[in-house]
Amino acid sequence: MTRDDGPPLEDLKRLPGLYRRWELVEVFEPNRNYHIEDAGTHADGTPLLAVFVDDLKPNPLSNAART
């Protein structure tokens, strides 16, 4: 799925690390724009993804901010 109605790529910040597809549910938060790119493969052959987000400020309602 491709959408071009989000912010320009140069306005996005890369999240640290690389992610497996099933880890994205732990990364994504509501009301933010994301861009995902292929980032190679893990040694076991699992595809890895780089994630870019429009705002790196912590969301006070996220699980990470509550701990």
N, C-alpha and C. Protein backbone atom coordinates (compact mmCIF):
# COMPACT_ATOMS: atom_id res chain seq x y z
N MET A 1 0.85 -1.17 0.00
CA MET A 1 0.00 0.00 0.00
C MET A 1 0.89 1.23 0.00
N THR A 2 0.61 2.13 -0.91
CA THR A 2 1.38 3.36 -1.01
C THR A 2 0.44 4.54 -0.86
N ARG A 3 0.84 5.47 0.02
CA ARG A 3 0.05 6.69 0.21
C ARG A 3 1.01 7.86 0.15
N ASP A 4 0.60 8.92 -0.55
CA ASP A 4 1.45 10.09 -0.69
C ASP A 4 0.86 11.32 -0.02
N ASP A 5 -0.09 11.13 0.91
CA ASP A 5 -0.72 12.28 1.54
C ASP A 5 -0.10 12.64 2.89
N GLY A 6 0.97 11.98 3.28
CA GLY A 6 1.65 12.27 4.54
C GLY A 6 2.69 13.35 4.39
N PRO A 7 3.48 13.58 5.43
CA PRO A 7 4.52 14.60 5.37
C PRO A 7 5.63 14.18 4.41
N PRO A 8 6.37 15.15 3.88
CA PRO A 8 7.51 14.81 3.01
C PRO A 8 8.52 13.96 3.78
N LEU A 9 9.19 13.06 3.08
CA LEU A 9 10.15 12.16 3.74
C LEU A 9 11.23 12.92 4.49
N GLU A 10 11.64 14.09 4.00
CA GLU A 10 12.70 14.83 4.69
C GLU A 10 12.25 15.36 6.05
N ASP A 11 10.94 15.38 6.31
CA ASP A 11 10.43 15.82 7.61
C ASP A 11 10.33 14.68 8.62
N LEU A 12 10.57 13.46 8.18
CA LEU A 12 10.47 12.30 9.07
C LEU A 12 11.81 12.00 9.73
N LYS A 13 11.76 11.46 10.93
CA LYS A 13 12.96 11.05 11.67
C LYS A 13 12.98 9.53 11.75
N ARG A 14 14.16 8.97 11.58
CA ARG A 14 14.30 7.50 11.63
C ARG A 14 14.31 7.03 13.07
N LEU A 15 13.51 6.03 13.36
CA LEU A 15 13.55 5.41 14.67
C LEU A 15 14.82 4.56 14.76
N PRO A 16 15.47 4.55 15.91
CA PRO A 16 16.67 3.72 16.05
C PRO A 16 16.34 2.24 15.91
N GLY A 17 17.24 1.52 15.32
CA GLY A 17 17.09 0.07 15.20
C GLY A 17 16.41 -0.35 13.92
N LEU A 18 16.37 -1.65 13.74
CA LEU A 18 15.67 -2.27 12.62
C LEU A 18 14.63 -3.21 13.20
N TYR A 19 13.54 -3.39 12.48
CA TYR A 19 12.40 -4.11 13.03
C TYR A 19 11.96 -5.24 12.11
N ARG A 20 11.47 -6.30 12.72
CA ARG A 20 10.81 -7.37 11.97
C ARG A 20 9.35 -6.99 11.81
N ARG A 21 8.70 -7.51 10.80
CA ARG A 21 7.32 -7.14 10.48
C ARG A 21 6.40 -7.28 11.70
N TRP A 22 6.52 -8.36 12.44
CA TRP A 22 5.61 -8.60 13.56
C TRP A 22 5.91 -7.70 14.77
N GLU A 23 7.03 -6.99 14.76
CA GLU A 23 7.34 -6.07 15.86
C GLU A 23 6.71 -4.69 15.66
N LEU A 24 6.18 -4.43 14.48
CA LEU A 24 5.64 -3.10 14.18
C LEU A 24 4.45 -2.74 15.06
N VAL A 25 3.67 -3.71 15.48
CA VAL A 25 2.52 -3.40 16.35
C VAL A 25 2.97 -2.81 17.68
N GLU A 26 4.19 -3.10 18.10
CA GLU A 26 4.73 -2.55 19.34
C GLU A 26 5.33 -1.16 19.13
N VAL A 27 5.59 -0.80 17.89
CA VAL A 27 6.24 0.47 17.57
C VAL A 27 5.21 1.55 17.24
N PHE A 28 4.19 1.19 16.49
CA PHE A 28 3.23 2.18 16.00
C PHE A 28 2.36 2.74 17.11
N GLU A 29 2.08 4.04 17.01
CA GLU A 29 1.17 4.72 17.93
C GLU A 29 0.14 5.48 17.09
N PRO A 30 -1.04 5.69 17.64
CA PRO A 30 -2.08 6.41 16.89
C PRO A 30 -1.69 7.86 16.60
N ASN A 31 -2.27 8.40 15.56
CA ASN A 31 -2.14 9.81 15.19
C ASN A 31 -0.73 10.24 14.83
N ARG A 32 0.03 9.33 14.28
CA ARG A 32 1.37 9.65 13.77
C ARG A 32 1.49 9.12 12.36
N ASN A 33 2.34 9.75 11.57
CA ASN A 33 2.59 9.30 10.21
C ASN A 33 3.88 8.50 10.18
N TYR A 34 3.85 7.37 9.49
CA TYR A 34 5.01 6.49 9.40
C TYR A 34 5.37 6.23 7.95
N HIS A 35 6.64 5.96 7.74
CA HIS A 35 7.14 5.50 6.45
C HIS A 35 8.02 4.29 6.75
N ILE A 36 7.85 3.21 6.00
CA ILE A 36 8.60 1.98 6.24
C ILE A 36 9.40 1.65 4.99
N GLU A 37 10.67 1.29 5.19
CA GLU A 37 11.54 0.90 4.08
C GLU A 37 12.19 -0.45 4.36
N ASP A 38 12.44 -1.21 3.32
CA ASP A 38 13.22 -2.44 3.45
C ASP A 38 14.62 -2.07 3.93
N ALA A 39 15.17 -2.88 4.84
CA ALA A 39 16.48 -2.59 5.40
C ALA A 39 17.36 -3.83 5.43
N GLY A 40 17.17 -4.72 4.49
CA GLY A 40 18.00 -5.92 4.43
C GLY A 40 17.36 -7.09 5.14
N THR A 41 18.21 -8.06 5.49
CA THR A 41 17.72 -9.26 6.16
C THR A 41 18.61 -9.60 7.35
N HIS A 42 18.01 -10.24 8.33
CA HIS A 42 18.72 -10.75 9.50
C HIS A 42 19.51 -11.98 9.07
N ALA A 43 20.44 -12.42 9.89
CA ALA A 43 21.24 -13.60 9.58
C ALA A 43 20.37 -14.84 9.34
N ASP A 44 19.19 -14.88 9.98
CA ASP A 44 18.30 -16.03 9.79
C ASP A 44 17.40 -15.89 8.57
N GLY A 45 17.57 -14.82 7.81
CA GLY A 45 16.79 -14.62 6.59
C GLY A 45 15.53 -13.79 6.77
N THR A 46 15.22 -13.39 8.00
CA THR A 46 14.03 -12.58 8.26
C THR A 46 14.22 -11.18 7.69
N PRO A 47 13.27 -10.68 6.90
CA PRO A 47 13.38 -9.31 6.39
C PRO A 47 13.35 -8.30 7.53
N LEU A 48 14.17 -7.26 7.42
CA LEU A 48 14.22 -6.19 8.41
C LEU A 48 13.71 -4.90 7.79
N LEU A 49 13.11 -4.06 8.63
CA LEU A 49 12.51 -2.82 8.16
C LEU A 49 13.06 -1.63 8.94
N ALA A 50 13.27 -0.52 8.25
CA ALA A 50 13.58 0.76 8.89
C ALA A 50 12.28 1.53 8.98
N VAL A 51 12.07 2.20 10.12
CA VAL A 51 10.82 2.93 10.35
C VAL A 51 11.13 4.40 10.56
N PHE A 52 10.39 5.23 9.87
CA PHE A 52 10.51 6.68 9.99
C PHE A 52 9.18 7.22 10.52
N VAL A 53 9.25 8.23 11.40
CA VAL A 53 8.05 8.79 12.02
C VAL A 53 8.12 10.31 11.96
N ASP A 54 6.95 10.96 11.94
CA ASP A 54 6.91 12.41 11.82
C ASP A 54 7.17 13.12 13.13
N ASP A 55 7.15 12.44 14.27
CA ASP A 55 7.31 13.10 15.56
C ASP A 55 7.90 12.12 16.55
N LEU A 56 9.08 12.43 17.07
CA LEU A 56 9.73 11.52 18.02
C LEU A 56 9.42 11.85 19.47
N LYS A 57 8.61 12.87 19.73
CA LYS A 57 8.26 13.20 21.11
C LYS A 57 7.46 12.05 21.71
N PRO A 58 7.75 11.68 22.95
CA PRO A 58 7.00 10.57 23.56
C PRO A 58 5.53 10.93 23.72
N ASN A 59 4.70 9.97 23.45
CA ASN A 59 3.27 10.13 23.63
C ASN A 59 2.95 9.80 25.08
N PRO A 60 2.38 10.75 25.85
CA PRO A 60 2.12 10.49 27.27
C PRO A 60 1.15 9.35 27.52
N LEU A 61 0.39 8.94 26.51
CA LEU A 61 -0.56 7.85 26.68
C LEU A 61 0.00 6.50 26.27
N SER A 62 1.24 6.47 25.76
CA SER A 62 1.80 5.20 25.31
C SER A 62 2.26 4.37 26.51
N ASN A 63 2.35 3.06 26.31
CA ASN A 63 2.79 2.16 27.37
C ASN A 63 4.20 2.48 27.82
N ALA A 64 5.08 2.84 26.90
CA ALA A 64 6.47 3.13 27.24
C ALA A 64 6.57 4.34 28.16
N ALA A 65 5.72 5.32 27.98
CA ALA A 65 5.78 6.53 28.79
C ALA A 65 5.27 6.29 30.21
N ARG A 66 4.46 5.25 30.40
CA ARG A 66 3.89 4.98 31.72
C ARG A 66 4.82 4.18 32.62
N THR A 67 5.87 3.60 32.06
CA THR A 67 6.75 2.76 32.89
C THR A 67 7.91 3.54 33.42
